[in-house]
Every structure is written in C-alpha cells, then in structure tokens.
Amino acid sequence: MQPHINQQDVEQAIRTLFEWLISEYRRSHSRKEEVAPRTAPVTPRTSSTRKLLDVPGLAEYLSVPKGTIYTDVCMRKIPQKAIVKLGRSLRFDVEAINEWIEENRSHR
C-alpha cells in the first residue's frame, strides 16, 4: 500500500524550500566586496609614453577595413615591433606603424 501524500504538505515544503533559496541568494549577493584603496596611477618606466591603437583605431588611422588589419597581422605584413599583445587583444604602436609606412612608401 502506498502512503498518501498530502497536497498541502507538498505545497508547504516547496514554499519553505523556495524561501530558503531566496534567503541564501540574497545573503550571498548582498556581501559588498572589498574595494582596494586607490593608488597613484602607474607611470611607464621609460621617459616617453607609447601611443597604442586597437584594431578599429588602426583601421581608421590607415583608412582600411578591420579585416585587412587582421589579415595583415596573420600574413606578417605589419612588423612585429609594431604589434603589442595584451592578453588576447592586439594593440599597435603608432610610432612603429608610422616608420613602417615611411619604409614602404613608394617614392615617385
């Protein structure tokens, strides 16, 4: 013989579980993470600061599509000294790009 399940007991158990889940969620998300105190900005160790462009910035600077930039990086047309990798991001040193342009400029 199967025990009889009271519908009211089931609803009360679900309500209690739901209230517990909400309270745990609120408790875990209400903690304010400690924020590190602000420090002075980090300055570069060299006397000159390097101007870096991201892919869309370089594409605009050179007046070419972004896809061309990615292709030129893969085909190693852009010199390695101009490419700065920051994690998975690419940045480009403007001075090195300008030197590369001058080296490859056709003189007529």
Protein backbone atom coordinates (compact mmCIF):
# COMPACT_ATOMS: atom_id res chain seq x y z
CA MET A 1 0.00 0.00 0.00
CA GLN A 2 1.36 3.42 -1.00
CA PRO A 3 1.46 6.19 1.59
CA HIS A 4 -0.96 9.03 0.96
CA ILE A 5 0.78 12.31 0.03
CA ASN A 6 -1.00 15.35 1.36
CA GLN A 7 -1.07 18.14 -1.26
CA GLN A 8 -0.89 20.83 1.41
CA ASP A 9 2.27 19.30 2.89
CA VAL A 10 3.92 19.26 -0.54
CA GLU A 11 3.00 22.89 -1.19
CA GLN A 12 4.31 23.90 2.23
CA ALA A 13 7.60 22.05 1.62
CA ILE A 14 8.02 23.76 -1.78
CA ARG A 15 7.24 27.17 -0.24
CA THR A 16 9.77 26.59 2.56
CA LEU A 17 12.44 25.46 0.08
CA PHE A 18 11.77 28.45 -2.16
CA GLU A 19 12.03 30.89 0.76
CA TRP A 20 15.29 29.27 1.84
CA LEU A 21 16.73 29.55 -1.68
CA ILE A 22 15.80 33.22 -1.88
CA SER A 23 17.34 33.96 1.51
CA GLU A 24 20.58 32.16 0.53
CA TYR A 25 20.73 34.03 -2.75
CA ARG A 26 20.23 37.37 -1.03
CA ARG A 27 22.79 36.52 1.63
CA SER A 28 25.43 35.51 -0.91
CA HIS A 29 24.82 38.51 -3.18
CA SER A 30 24.46 41.17 -0.52
CA ARG A 31 28.08 41.00 0.57
CA LYS A 32 29.92 44.04 -0.56
CA GLU A 33 33.26 43.12 -2.00
CA GLU A 34 36.16 44.94 -0.51
CA VAL A 35 37.47 47.55 -2.86
CA ALA A 36 41.19 48.07 -2.93
CA PRO A 37 42.19 51.59 -1.98
CA ARG A 38 43.05 53.80 -4.90
CA THR A 39 46.71 54.20 -5.52
CA ALA A 40 48.61 56.59 -7.69
CA PRO A 41 48.40 55.71 -11.39
CA VAL A 42 51.21 53.57 -12.69
CA THR A 43 53.56 55.53 -14.87
CA PRO A 44 55.67 53.91 -17.57
CA ARG A 45 59.30 53.31 -16.72
CA THR A 46 60.52 54.95 -19.90
CA SER A 47 60.56 58.68 -20.33
CA SER A 48 58.40 58.54 -23.46
CA THR A 49 54.89 57.13 -23.48
CA ARG A 50 53.82 54.94 -26.36
CA LYS A 51 50.60 55.69 -28.18
CA LEU A 52 48.77 52.41 -28.85
CA LEU A 53 45.82 51.87 -31.17
CA ASP A 54 43.40 48.96 -31.13
CA VAL A 55 42.31 47.20 -34.35
CA PRO A 56 39.39 49.54 -35.14
CA GLY A 57 41.60 52.55 -34.34
CA LEU A 58 44.37 51.36 -36.64
CA ALA A 59 41.86 50.54 -39.37
CA GLU A 60 40.53 54.08 -39.17
CA TYR A 61 44.05 55.51 -39.00
CA LEU A 62 45.07 53.64 -42.17
CA SER A 63 41.64 54.00 -43.84
CA VAL A 64 41.26 50.26 -44.39
CA PRO A 65 38.69 47.72 -43.18
CA LYS A 66 39.29 45.93 -39.87
CA GLY A 67 39.54 42.61 -41.73
CA THR A 68 42.55 43.94 -43.61
CA ILE A 69 44.32 44.61 -40.31
CA TYR A 70 43.69 41.04 -39.10
CA THR A 71 44.84 39.64 -42.46
CA ASP A 72 48.00 41.77 -42.46
CA VAL A 73 48.83 40.60 -38.92
CA CYS A 74 48.35 36.94 -39.90
CA MET A 75 50.36 37.36 -43.11
CA ARG A 76 53.06 39.20 -41.12
CA LYS A 77 52.84 42.27 -43.32
CA ILE A 78 52.70 44.52 -40.26
CA PRO A 79 56.09 44.40 -38.50
CA GLN A 80 56.22 42.52 -35.20
CA LYS A 81 57.79 45.51 -33.44
CA ALA A 82 54.55 47.43 -34.09
CA ILE A 83 52.31 44.76 -32.54
CA VAL A 84 51.69 44.72 -28.79
CA LYS A 85 49.69 41.81 -27.41
CA LEU A 86 47.68 42.49 -24.27
CA GLY A 87 46.18 39.14 -23.37
CA ARG A 88 44.13 38.23 -26.41
CA SER A 89 43.90 41.83 -27.60
CA LEU A 90 46.08 43.41 -30.23
CA ARG A 91 47.40 46.92 -29.95
CA PHE A 92 49.66 48.75 -32.36
CA ASP A 93 52.47 51.19 -31.61
CA VAL A 94 51.75 54.32 -33.66
CA GLU A 95 55.43 55.28 -33.98
CA ALA A 96 56.34 51.85 -35.35
CA ILE A 97 53.38 51.97 -37.74
CA ASN A 98 54.49 55.39 -38.99
CA GLU A 99 58.03 54.06 -39.54
CA TRP A 100 56.61 51.07 -41.42
CA ILE A 101 54.55 53.41 -43.62
CA GLU A 102 57.60 55.56 -44.38
CA GLU A 103 59.71 52.48 -45.22
CA ASN A 104 57.07 51.18 -47.61
CA ARG A 105 56.06 54.46 -49.18
CA SER A 106 56.62 54.47 -52.93
CA HIS A 107 58.76 57.40 -53.96
CA ARG A 108 57.72 58.78 -57.35
